[in-house]
C-alpha atoms as a PDB file:
ATOM      1  CA  MET A   1     -50.312 -83.290  -6.529  1.00  0.00           C
ATOM      2  CA  ARG A   2     -51.497 -80.173  -7.640  1.00  0.00           C
ATOM      3  CA  ARG A   3     -50.879 -78.495  -4.207  1.00  0.00           C
ATOM      4  CA  VAL A   4     -47.495 -79.252  -4.657  1.00  0.00           C
ATOM      5  CA  GLU A   5     -47.088 -77.702  -8.017  1.00  0.00           C
ATOM      6  CA  HIS A   6     -48.907 -74.627  -6.620  1.00  0.00           C
ATOM      7  CA  LEU A   7     -46.483 -74.263  -4.013  1.00  0.00           C
ATOM      8  CA  LEU A   8     -43.638 -74.722  -6.493  1.00  0.00           C
ATOM      9  CA  ARG A   9     -44.952 -72.627  -8.940  1.00  0.00           C
ATOM     10  CA  ALA A  10     -45.539 -69.830  -6.429  1.00  0.00           C
ATOM     11  CA  THR A  11     -41.832 -70.453  -5.213  1.00  0.00           C
ATOM     12  CA  ALA A  12     -40.836 -70.047  -8.772  1.00  0.00           C
ATOM     13  CA  ASN A  13     -42.459 -66.582  -8.941  1.00  0.00           C
ATOM     14  CA  ALA A  14     -40.471 -65.958  -5.835  1.00  0.00           C
ATOM     15  CA  GLU A  15     -36.887 -66.876  -6.717  1.00  0.00           C
ATOM     16  CA  ALA A  16     -35.763 -63.768  -8.371  1.00  0.00           C
ATOM     17  CA  ARG A  17     -37.229 -61.215  -6.011  1.00  0.00           C
ATOM     18  CA  HIS A  18     -38.339 -62.482  -2.770  1.00  0.00           C
ATOM     19  CA  PHE A  19     -35.128 -61.148   0.219  1.00  0.00           C
ATOM     20  CA  TRP A  20     -34.525 -64.946   1.008  1.00  0.00           C
ATOM     21  CA  PHE A  21     -33.487 -65.689  -2.299  1.00  0.00           C
ATOM     22  CA  ARG A  22     -31.911 -62.405  -2.737  1.00  0.00           C
ATOM     23  CA  GLY A  23     -29.774 -62.905   0.499  1.00  0.00           C
ATOM     24  CA  LEU A  24     -28.858 -66.027  -0.960  1.00  0.00           C
ATOM     25  CA  ARG A  25     -27.397 -65.509  -3.377  1.00  0.00           C
ATOM     26  CA  ALA A  26     -25.947 -62.069  -2.406  1.00  0.00           C
ATOM     27  CA  PHE A  27     -24.193 -64.642   0.555  1.00  0.00           C
ATOM     28  CA  VAL A  28     -23.307 -67.342  -1.861  1.00  0.00           C
ATOM     29  CA  THR A  29     -21.750 -65.227  -5.284  1.00  0.00           C
ATOM     30  CA  PRO A  30     -18.387 -64.174  -3.207  1.00  0.00           C
ATOM     31  CA  LEU A  31     -17.998 -68.041  -1.964  1.00  0.00           C
ATOM     32  CA  LEU A  32     -18.196 -69.458  -5.602  1.00  0.00           C
ATOM     33  CA  SER A  33     -15.674 -66.584  -6.902  1.00  0.00           C
ATOM     34  CA  LEU A  34     -12.900 -67.462  -4.914  1.00  0.00           C
ATOM     35  CA  ALA A  35     -14.122 -71.450  -5.234  1.00  0.00           C
ATOM     36  CA  THR A  36     -13.647 -71.264  -9.021  1.00  0.00           C
ATOM     37  CA  ALA A  37     -10.736 -68.453  -9.253  1.00  0.00           C
ATOM     38  CA  GLY A  38      -8.120 -70.255 -11.261  1.00  0.00           C
ATOM     39  CA  ARG A  39      -9.972 -73.354 -13.263  1.00  0.00           C
ATOM     40  CA  THR A  40     -10.099 -73.581 -16.008  1.00  0.00           C
ATOM     41  CA  ARG A  41     -13.769 -73.931 -17.188  1.00  0.00           C
ATOM     42  CA  PRO A  42     -14.605 -75.028 -14.044  1.00  0.00           C
ATOM     43  CA  LEU A  43     -18.308 -78.003 -14.134  1.00  0.00           C
ATOM     44  CA  LEU A  44     -20.923 -76.846 -11.354  1.00  0.00           C
ATOM     45  CA  LEU A  45     -23.204 -79.114 -10.389  1.00  0.00           C
ATOM     46  CA  ASP A  46     -26.555 -77.808  -8.064  1.00  0.00           C
ATOM     47  CA  CYS A  47     -27.814 -80.669  -5.647  1.00  0.00           C
ATOM     48  CA  GLY A  48     -31.424 -80.991  -4.989  1.00  0.00           C
ATOM     49  CA  CYS A  49     -31.993 -77.901  -7.121  1.00  0.00           C
ATOM     50  CA  GLY A  50     -36.062 -77.722  -7.569  1.00  0.00           C
ATOM     51  CA  THR A  51     -36.788 -75.594 -10.686  1.00  0.00           C
ATOM     52  CA  GLY A  52     -33.354 -75.355 -11.171  1.00  0.00           C
ATOM     53  CA  ALA A  53     -33.521 -71.297 -10.756  1.00  0.00           C
ATOM     54  CA  ASN A  54     -29.996 -71.070  -9.274  1.00  0.00           C
ATOM     55  CA  LEU A  55     -28.247 -72.280 -11.899  1.00  0.00           C
ATOM     56  CA  GLU A  56     -28.068 -68.601 -13.555  1.00  0.00           C
ATOM     57  CA  MET A  57     -26.069 -67.583 -10.563  1.00  0.00           C
ATOM     58  CA  LEU A  58     -23.777 -70.962 -11.421  1.00  0.00           C
ATOM     59  CA  GLY A  59     -24.043 -70.431 -15.110  1.00  0.00           C
ATOM     60  CA  THR A  60     -21.878 -66.882 -14.279  1.00  0.00           C
ATOM     61  CA  PHE A  61     -18.802 -68.962 -12.948  1.00  0.00           C
ATOM     62  CA  GLY A  62     -18.582 -71.905 -15.674  1.00  0.00           C
ATOM     63  CA  SER A  63     -20.847 -74.566 -16.583  1.00  0.00           C
ATOM     64  CA  ALA A  64     -23.486 -75.222 -14.632  1.00  0.00           C
ATOM     65  CA  PHE A  65     -25.964 -78.321 -13.830  1.00  0.00           C
ATOM     66  CA  GLY A  66     -28.694 -79.305 -11.596  1.00  0.00           C
ATOM     67  CA  PHE A  67     -30.973 -82.270 -10.367  1.00  0.00           C
ATOM     68  CA  ASP A  68     -34.057 -82.892  -8.365  1.00  0.00           C
ATOM     69  CA  LEU A  69     -36.343 -85.824  -7.187  1.00  0.00           C
ATOM     70  CA  THR A  70     -39.365 -83.601  -7.829  1.00  0.00           C
ATOM     71  CA  GLU A  71     -40.910 -83.861 -11.434  1.00  0.00           C
ATOM     72  CA  ILE A  72     -43.086 -80.925 -10.815  1.00  0.00           C
ATOM     73  CA  GLY A  73     -39.964 -78.573  -9.630  1.00  0.00           C
ATOM     74  CA  LEU A  74     -38.214 -79.937 -12.688  1.00  0.00           C
ATOM     75  CA  ARG A  75     -41.093 -79.352 -15.639  1.00  0.00           C
ATOM     76  CA  ILE A  76     -41.293 -75.585 -14.206  1.00  0.00           C
ATOM     77  CA  GLY A  77     -37.789 -75.127 -14.785  1.00  0.00           C
ATOM     78  CA  ARG A  78     -37.671 -76.650 -18.273  1.00  0.00           C
ATOM     79  CA  GLU A  79     -40.803 -74.100 -18.764  1.00  0.00           C
ATOM     80  CA  ALA A  80     -38.405 -71.493 -17.843  1.00  0.00           C
ATOM     81  CA  GLY A  81     -35.812 -72.584 -20.451  1.00  0.00           C
ATOM     82  CA  ARG A  82     -33.773 -74.511 -18.377  1.00  0.00           C
ATOM     83  CA  THR A  83     -31.830 -77.981 -19.937  1.00  0.00           C
ATOM     84  CA  ARG A  84     -29.676 -78.844 -17.509  1.00  0.00           C
ATOM     85  CA  LEU A  85     -31.436 -80.577 -15.417  1.00  0.00           C
ATOM     86  CA  ALA A  86     -31.822 -84.553 -14.509  1.00  0.00           C
ATOM     87  CA  ARG A  87     -34.170 -86.538 -12.353  1.00  0.00           C
ATOM     88  CA  ALA A  88     -32.761 -88.099  -9.303  1.00  0.00           C
ATOM     89  CA  SER A  89     -32.438 -88.868  -5.629  1.00  0.00           C
ATOM     90  CA  VAL A  90     -29.354 -86.095  -3.853  1.00  0.00           C
ATOM     91  CA  ALA A  91     -28.323 -89.523  -2.676  1.00  0.00           C
ATOM     92  CA  ALA A  92     -27.489 -91.140  -5.819  1.00  0.00           C
ATOM     93  CA  ALA A  93     -26.479 -88.956  -8.468  1.00  0.00           C
ATOM     94  CA  PRO A  94     -26.206 -89.847 -11.818  1.00  0.00           C
ATOM     95  CA  PHE A  95     -22.873 -88.686 -12.440  1.00  0.00           C
ATOM     96  CA  PRO A  96     -19.461 -89.859 -13.060  1.00  0.00           C
ATOM     97  CA  SER A  97     -16.979 -89.628  -9.843  1.00  0.00           C
ATOM     98  CA  GLY A  98     -14.631 -86.535  -9.591  1.00  0.00           C
ATOM     99  CA  ALA A  99     -16.439 -84.848 -12.282  1.00  0.00           C
ATOM    100  CA  PHE A 100     -17.167 -81.235 -10.527  1.00  0.00           C
ATOM    101  CA  ASP A 101     -15.365 -78.618  -9.343  1.00  0.00           C
ATOM    102  CA  VAL A 102     -17.671 -76.948  -7.153  1.00  0.00           C
ATOM    103  CA  VAL A 103     -20.896 -78.694  -5.765  1.00  0.00           C
ATOM    104  CA  THR A 104     -23.183 -76.844  -4.141  1.00  0.00           C
ATOM    105  CA  SER A 105     -26.869 -77.485  -1.685  1.00  0.00           C
ATOM    106  CA  PHE A 106     -29.377 -75.308  -0.921  1.00  0.00           C
ATOM    107  CA  ASP A 107     -31.659 -76.228   1.619  1.00  0.00           C
ATOM    108  CA  VAL A 108     -32.118 -79.814   1.380  1.00  0.00           C
ATOM    109  CA  LEU A 109     -30.530 -82.461   3.746  1.00  0.00           C
ATOM    110  CA  TYR A 110     -32.576 -80.720   6.623  1.00  0.00           C
ATOM    111  CA  SER A 111     -35.430 -82.302   4.911  1.00  0.00           C
ATOM    112  CA  LEU A 112     -33.650 -85.607   4.374  1.00  0.00           C
ATOM    113  CA  ASP A 113     -33.841 -88.712   7.533  1.00  0.00           C
ATOM    114  CA  ASP A 114     -30.703 -89.131   9.320  1.00  0.00           C
ATOM    115  CA  GLY A 115     -29.513 -91.839   7.282  1.00  0.00           C
ATOM    116  CA  VAL A 116     -30.476 -90.176   3.460  1.00  0.00           C
ATOM    117  CA  GLU A 117     -28.802 -87.097   4.661  1.00  0.00           C
ATOM    118  CA  ARG A 118     -25.208 -88.716   5.407  1.00  0.00           C
ATOM    119  CA  ASP A 119     -25.457 -90.639   1.969  1.00  0.00           C
ATOM    120  CA  ALA A 120     -25.956 -87.301   0.328  1.00  0.00           C
ATOM    121  CA  ILE A 121     -23.105 -85.771   1.627  1.00  0.00           C
ATOM    122  CA  ALA A 122     -20.945 -88.657   0.649  1.00  0.00           C
ATOM    123  CA  GLU A 123     -22.654 -88.288  -2.550  1.00  0.00           C
ATOM    124  CA  MET A 124     -21.471 -84.725  -3.064  1.00  0.00           C
ATOM    125  CA  TYR A 125     -17.837 -85.808  -1.690  1.00  0.00           C
ATOM    126  CA  ARG A 126     -17.812 -88.298  -4.716  1.00  0.00           C
ATOM    127  CA  LEU A 127     -19.056 -86.207  -7.420  1.00  0.00           C
ATOM    128  CA  LEU A 128     -15.992 -83.473  -6.468  1.00  0.00           C
ATOM    129  CA  LYS A 129     -13.124 -83.744  -8.220  1.00  0.00           C
ATOM    130  CA  PRO A 130      -9.837 -84.253  -5.754  1.00  0.00           C
ATOM    131  CA  GLY A 131      -9.534 -80.380  -3.989  1.00  0.00           C
ATOM    132  CA  GLY A 132     -12.970 -79.714  -5.340  1.00  0.00           C
ATOM    133  CA  LEU A 133     -15.302 -77.206  -3.076  1.00  0.00           C
ATOM    134  CA  LEU A 134     -18.719 -77.887  -1.755  1.00  0.00           C
ATOM    135  CA  VAL A 135     -21.155 -74.743  -0.554  1.00  0.00           C
ATOM    136  CA  CYS A 136     -23.929 -76.040   1.576  1.00  0.00           C
ATOM    137  CA  GLU A 137     -26.877 -74.083   2.989  1.00  0.00           C
ATOM    138  CA  ASP A 138     -28.686 -75.407   5.383  1.00  0.00           C
ATOM    139  CA  THR A 139     -31.483 -74.351   7.656  1.00  0.00           C
ATOM    140  CA  GLU A 140     -31.024 -73.332  11.839  1.00  0.00           C
ATOM    141  CA  VAL A 141     -34.345 -71.726  13.156  1.00  0.00           C
ATOM    142  CA  ALA A 142     -32.906 -71.390  16.537  1.00  0.00           C
ATOM    143  CA  SER A 143     -30.730 -69.217  15.819  1.00  0.00           C
ATOM    144  CA  THR A 144     -33.355 -66.536  14.501  1.00  0.00           C
ATOM    145  CA  PHE A 145     -34.360 -64.267  17.277  1.00  0.00           C
ATOM    146  CA  THR A 146     -35.334 -60.880  18.119  1.00  0.00           C
ATOM    147  CA  GLU A 147     -34.922 -57.884  20.388  1.00  0.00           C
ATOM    148  CA  PRO A 148     -37.657 -57.759  22.035  1.00  0.00           C
ATOM    149  CA  PRO A 149     -39.091 -61.064  21.532  1.00  0.00           C
ATOM    150  CA  SER A 150     -41.395 -61.413  18.496  1.00  0.00           C
ATOM    151  CA  ALA A 151     -43.374 -63.563  16.319  1.00  0.00           C
ATOM    152  CA  ILE A 152     -39.933 -64.241  14.522  1.00  0.00           C
ATOM    153  CA  ASP A 153     -38.909 -66.197  17.237  1.00  0.00           C
ATOM    154  CA  ARG A 154     -42.407 -67.915  18.151  1.00  0.00           C
ATOM    155  CA  SER A 155     -41.776 -68.525  14.324  1.00  0.00           C
ATOM    156  CA  GLY A 156     -38.737 -70.693  14.848  1.00  0.00           C
ATOM    157  CA  GLN A 157     -39.913 -72.643  17.998  1.00  0.00           C
ATOM    158  CA  LEU A 158     -42.624 -73.615  16.656  1.00  0.00           C
ATOM    159  CA  MET A 159     -41.141 -75.247  13.708  1.00  0.00           C
ATOM    160  CA  THR A 160     -38.414 -76.683  15.654  1.00  0.00           C
ATOM    161  CA  VAL A 161     -41.387 -78.613  17.805  1.00  0.00           C
ATOM    162  CA  LEU A 162     -42.945 -79.051  14.814  1.00  0.00           C
ATOM    163  CA  GLY A 163     -39.911 -80.570  12.523  1.00  0.00           C
ATOM    164  CA  ASP A 164     -39.862 -82.907  15.470  1.00  0.00           C
ATOM    165  CA  ARG A 165     -42.984 -84.501  15.359  1.00  0.00           C
ATOM    166  CA  ASN A 166     -42.753 -85.424  11.101  1.00  0.00           C
ATOM    167  CA  GLY A 167     -39.063 -86.093  10.745  1.00  0.00           C
ATOM    168  CA  THR A 168     -37.975 -82.338   9.309  1.00  0.00           C
ATOM    169  CA  ASP A 169     -34.675 -81.026  11.242  1.00  0.00           C
ATOM    170  CA  TRP A 170     -35.250 -77.387  11.172  1.00  0.00           C
ATOM    171  CA  ASN A 171     -31.681 -77.262  12.967  1.00  0.00           C
ATOM    172  CA  LEU A 172     -29.728 -79.375  11.098  1.00  0.00           C
ATOM    173  CA  GLY A 173     -27.344 -76.482  10.728  1.00  0.00           C
ATOM    174  CA  ARG A 174     -25.919 -76.679  13.759  1.00  0.00           C
ATOM    175  CA  ARG A 175     -24.659 -80.614  12.879  1.00  0.00           C
ATOM    176  CA  LEU A 176     -23.823 -79.632   9.403  1.00  0.00           C
ATOM    177  CA  TYR A 177     -19.668 -79.263  10.418  1.00  0.00           C
ATOM    178  CA  GLN A 178     -19.814 -83.235  11.746  1.00  0.00           C
ATOM    179  CA  LEU A 179     -21.942 -84.494   9.024  1.00  0.00           C
ATOM    180  CA  VAL A 180     -19.209 -83.129   6.539  1.00  0.00           C
ATOM    181  CA  VAL A 181     -16.086 -83.834   8.291  1.00  0.00           C
ATOM    182  CA  ALA A 182     -17.296 -87.268   8.986  1.00  0.00           C
ATOM    183  CA  SER A 183     -17.657 -87.884   4.878  1.00  0.00           C
ATOM    184  CA  GLY A 184     -14.086 -86.549   4.368  1.00  0.00           C
ATOM    185  CA  PHE A 185     -14.260 -82.696   3.599  1.00  0.00           C
ATOM    186  CA  THR A 186     -11.498 -80.906   5.308  1.00  0.00           C
ATOM    187  CA  GLY A 187     -10.615 -77.107   6.185  1.00  0.00           C
ATOM    188  CA  ALA A 188     -14.235 -75.579   7.630  1.00  0.00           C
ATOM    189  CA  VAL A 189     -13.930 -72.453  10.027  1.00  0.00           C
ATOM    190  CA  VAL A 190     -16.902 -70.575  11.134  1.00  0.00           C
ATOM    191  CA  LEU A 191     -17.800 -67.200  10.156  1.00  0.00           C
ATOM    192  CA  PRO A 192     -19.982 -65.304  11.745  1.00  0.00           C
ATOM    193  CA  THR A 193     -22.023 -62.261   9.285  1.00  0.00           C
ATOM    194  CA  LYS A 194     -22.132 -59.056  11.007  1.00  0.00           C
ATOM    195  CA  SER A 195     -25.647 -57.713  11.084  1.00  0.00           C
ATOM    196  CA  THR A 196     -27.704 -61.599  11.339  1.00  0.00           C
ATOM    197  CA  PRO A 197     -27.107 -63.937  13.812  1.00  0.00           C
ATOM    198  CA  ILE A 198     -26.485 -66.318  11.630  1.00  0.00           C
ATOM    199  CA  ALA A 199     -23.443 -68.832  11.650  1.00  0.00           C
ATOM    200  CA  LYS A 200     -21.740 -68.632   8.330  1.00  0.00           C
ATOM    201  CA  LEU A 201     -19.590 -72.036   8.119  1.00  0.00           C
ATOM    202  CA  CYS A 202     -16.388 -71.785   5.818  1.00  0.00           C
ATOM    203  CA  GLY A 203     -13.677 -73.448   5.324  1.00  0.00           C
ATOM    204  CA  THR A 204     -10.786 -73.802   2.337  1.00  0.00           C
ATOM    205  CA  SER A 205      -7.647 -76.610   2.537  1.00  0.00           C
ATOM    206  CA  THR A 206      -5.144 -73.385   1.542  1.00  0.00           C
ATOM    207  CA  ALA A 207      -3.473 -71.641   4.812  1.00  0.00           C
ATOM    208  CA  THR A 208      -5.664 -68.915   4.472  1.00  0.00           C
ATOM    209  CA  PRO A 209      -9.385 -68.895   4.704  1.00  0.00           C
ATOM    210  CA  PRO A 210     -11.678 -67.021   2.173  1.00  0.00           C
ATOM    211  CA  ARG A 211     -13.423 -64.130   3.737  1.00  0.00           C
ATOM    212  CA  VAL A 212     -16.629 -62.998   3.306  1.00  0.00           C
ATOM    213  CA  VAL A 213     -16.938 -59.862   1.208  1.00  0.00           C
ATOM    214  CA  GLU A 214     -20.910 -59.404   1.394  1.00  0.00           C
ATOM    215  CA  GLU A 215     -23.696 -59.690   3.831  1.00  0.00           C
ATOM    216  CA  SER A 216     -26.245 -62.082   3.945  1.00  0.00           C
ATOM    217  CA  THR A 217     -30.318 -60.551   3.957  1.00  0.00           C
ATOM    218  CA  GLU A 218     -31.662 -64.006   4.355  1.00  0.00           C
ATOM    219  CA  PRO A 219     -33.315 -65.862   8.114  1.00  0.00           C
ATOM    220  CA  SER A 220     -31.492 -67.951   9.800  1.00  0.00           C
ATOM    221  CA  ALA A 221     -28.953 -70.264   7.824  1.00  0.00           C
ATOM    222  CA  THR A 222     -25.246 -72.474   8.196  1.00  0.00           C
ATOM    223  CA  GLU A 223     -23.326 -71.763   5.214  1.00  0.00           C
ATOM    224  CA  LEU A 224     -20.536 -73.955   4.472  1.00  0.00           C
ATOM    225  CA  TRP A 225     -17.529 -73.948   2.434  1.00  0.00           C
ATOM    226  CA  SER A 226     -15.814 -77.157   2.544  1.00  0.00           C
ATOM    227  CA  VAL A 227     -12.846 -79.135   0.592  1.00  0.00           C
ATOM    228  CA  ARG A 228     -12.111 -82.538  -1.306  1.00  0.00           C
ATOM    229  CA  LEU A 229      -8.995 -83.610  -0.443  1.00  0.00           C
END
């Protein structure tokens, strides 16, 4: 338990300045702006929020809430002054159906068992208002490569092998589209970034898909934007 707390505190210290977190926020911010455009007092929910650090970003677009199963992470978040936090499983959130305009999930699904990941996405669907939007990011290390090959390539290969052994799907991003559509979400299209080998998945129920206005500096992942009808 002490090791987990040490890891979470180290993560909390890095969330404000590390390139991965900064890159994630840079990419997600325009999507959130589009997702909340025209909505009056939107409610946003971060599923599997960890320490709740992303609530500060989400809170610039409306009233933001978060929940996580890890008690230590939530305690660190409360120590930082974040109060809109609850403890719960991503597959059984303590909120009423159709309560939120936007639901987010950042690097959560890859660590879940197959059945639980499907339950989690179904729960996200339940939590959204009709026409609400899901913004979901998850990992895909197989897309990470360099030319000529370097330690980055070997790291992705090692993560895939170790993940297969301990039940962590480091390439869940490849299946994210199918998982989300199976839960009833609609309107997803793939929008690759220009400078990184990252598949970005975005979608909307309108005729014209949203346009990504900033590039990401994050490592390989899949970003999903989809709609609850």
